Amino acid sequence: MNFLKTLFWVVVAVSLAIFATRNWTDVSVSLWGGIQADIKLPALLLLTFLIGFLPTYFIMRGRIWSLQRKLMLSQGPTVAPVAPPPARDDEPA
């Protein structure tokens, strides 16, 4: 199974590398006030992907962290039972 997972990620990485090399052209982006910025197309696509993905990812990780904390608090402290000390023979009963 690990082989298939590795093979999948290698195919994805090679596909992205081929896409980036074939589309390595400048794209003009119109910004505010008539300013234009020239940026390479793969960099622009990566930037837009990260702008959409990262906030969603951080919200999801925050919720998972919060739910794990609530679960740990609801289970209470985990205390192992302690055996009573052995009785000594020289003590009077």
Protein backbone atom coordinates (compact mmCIF):
# COMPACT_ATOMS: atom_id res chain seq x y z
CA MET A 1 0.00 0.00 0.00
CA ASN A 2 2.86 2.37 0.79
CA PHE A 3 4.28 1.67 -2.64
CA LEU A 4 1.05 2.79 -4.32
CA LYS A 5 0.90 5.92 -2.18
CA THR A 6 4.49 6.78 -3.05
CA LEU A 7 3.87 6.06 -6.72
CA PHE A 8 0.83 8.35 -6.70
CA TRP A 9 2.77 11.25 -5.17
CA VAL A 10 5.65 10.74 -7.61
CA VAL A 11 3.22 10.88 -10.54
CA VAL A 12 1.62 14.04 -9.12
CA ALA A 13 5.02 15.69 -8.60
CA VAL A 14 6.23 14.82 -12.10
CA SER A 15 2.97 16.07 -13.61
CA LEU A 16 3.27 19.36 -11.77
CA ALA A 17 6.90 19.73 -12.84
CA ILE A 18 6.01 19.12 -16.49
CA PHE A 19 3.10 21.57 -16.26
CA ALA A 20 5.32 24.23 -14.70
CA THR A 21 8.06 23.90 -17.32
CA ARG A 22 5.63 23.96 -20.25
CA ASN A 23 3.76 27.02 -18.94
CA TRP A 24 6.71 29.11 -17.71
CA THR A 25 5.44 32.37 -19.20
CA ASP A 26 4.89 35.83 -17.78
CA VAL A 27 1.36 36.85 -16.92
CA SER A 28 0.40 40.49 -16.33
CA VAL A 29 -1.73 40.98 -13.26
CA SER A 30 -3.60 44.28 -12.98
CA LEU A 31 -3.46 45.61 -9.44
CA TRP A 32 -5.05 48.70 -7.88
CA GLY A 33 -4.33 52.15 -9.27
CA GLY A 34 -3.27 50.97 -12.72
CA ILE A 35 -0.27 49.05 -11.38
CA GLN A 36 0.61 45.91 -13.27
CA ALA A 37 2.76 43.06 -11.99
CA ASP A 38 4.41 40.43 -14.15
CA ILE A 39 4.51 37.00 -12.55
CA LYS A 40 5.19 33.52 -13.86
CA LEU A 41 2.05 31.44 -14.41
CA PRO A 42 2.96 28.47 -12.15
CA ALA A 43 3.84 30.86 -9.31
CA LEU A 44 0.50 32.64 -9.74
CA LEU A 45 -1.39 29.33 -9.65
CA LEU A 46 0.48 28.23 -6.54
CA LEU A 47 -0.21 31.55 -4.84
CA THR A 48 -3.94 31.41 -5.59
CA PHE A 49 -4.11 27.79 -4.41
CA LEU A 50 -2.43 28.68 -1.12
CA ILE A 51 -4.70 31.70 -0.59
CA GLY A 52 -7.71 29.40 -0.82
CA PHE A 53 -6.28 26.35 0.95
CA LEU A 54 -4.41 27.69 3.98
CA PRO A 55 -7.30 29.47 5.78
CA THR A 56 -9.49 26.38 5.40
CA TYR A 57 -6.67 24.13 6.59
CA PHE A 58 -5.96 26.26 9.66
CA ILE A 59 -9.65 26.40 10.59
CA MET A 60 -9.91 22.61 10.29
CA ARG A 61 -6.76 22.03 12.39
CA GLY A 62 -8.05 24.45 15.03
CA ARG A 63 -11.34 22.63 15.29
CA ILE A 64 -9.64 19.25 15.53
CA TRP A 65 -7.35 20.59 18.27
CA SER A 66 -10.33 22.04 20.15
CA LEU A 67 -12.32 18.81 19.89
CA GLN A 68 -9.36 16.75 21.08
CA ARG A 69 -8.97 19.02 24.11
CA LYS A 70 -12.68 18.70 24.92
CA LEU A 71 -12.47 14.91 24.57
CA MET A 72 -9.46 14.69 26.89
CA LEU A 73 -11.18 16.91 29.48
CA SER A 74 -14.41 14.89 29.32
CA GLN A 75 -12.60 11.64 29.98
CA GLY A 76 -11.22 12.95 33.26
CA PRO A 77 -7.84 12.22 34.72
CA THR A 78 -6.47 8.78 34.09
CA VAL A 79 -5.24 7.49 37.43
CA ALA A 80 -3.89 3.98 37.72
CA PRO A 81 -5.09 2.05 40.77
CA VAL A 82 -2.49 1.91 43.51
CA ALA A 83 -2.03 -1.25 45.57
CA PRO A 84 -2.06 -0.75 49.35
CA PRO A 85 1.31 -1.08 51.03
CA PRO A 86 2.07 -4.57 52.36
CA ALA A 87 1.40 -5.14 56.07
CA ARG A 88 4.47 -5.28 58.27
CA ASP A 89 4.91 -8.18 60.65
CA ASP A 90 6.38 -6.17 63.53
CA GLU A 91 3.37 -3.84 63.87
CA PRO A 92 0.77 -4.71 66.51
CA ALA A 93 -2.61 -5.51 65.02
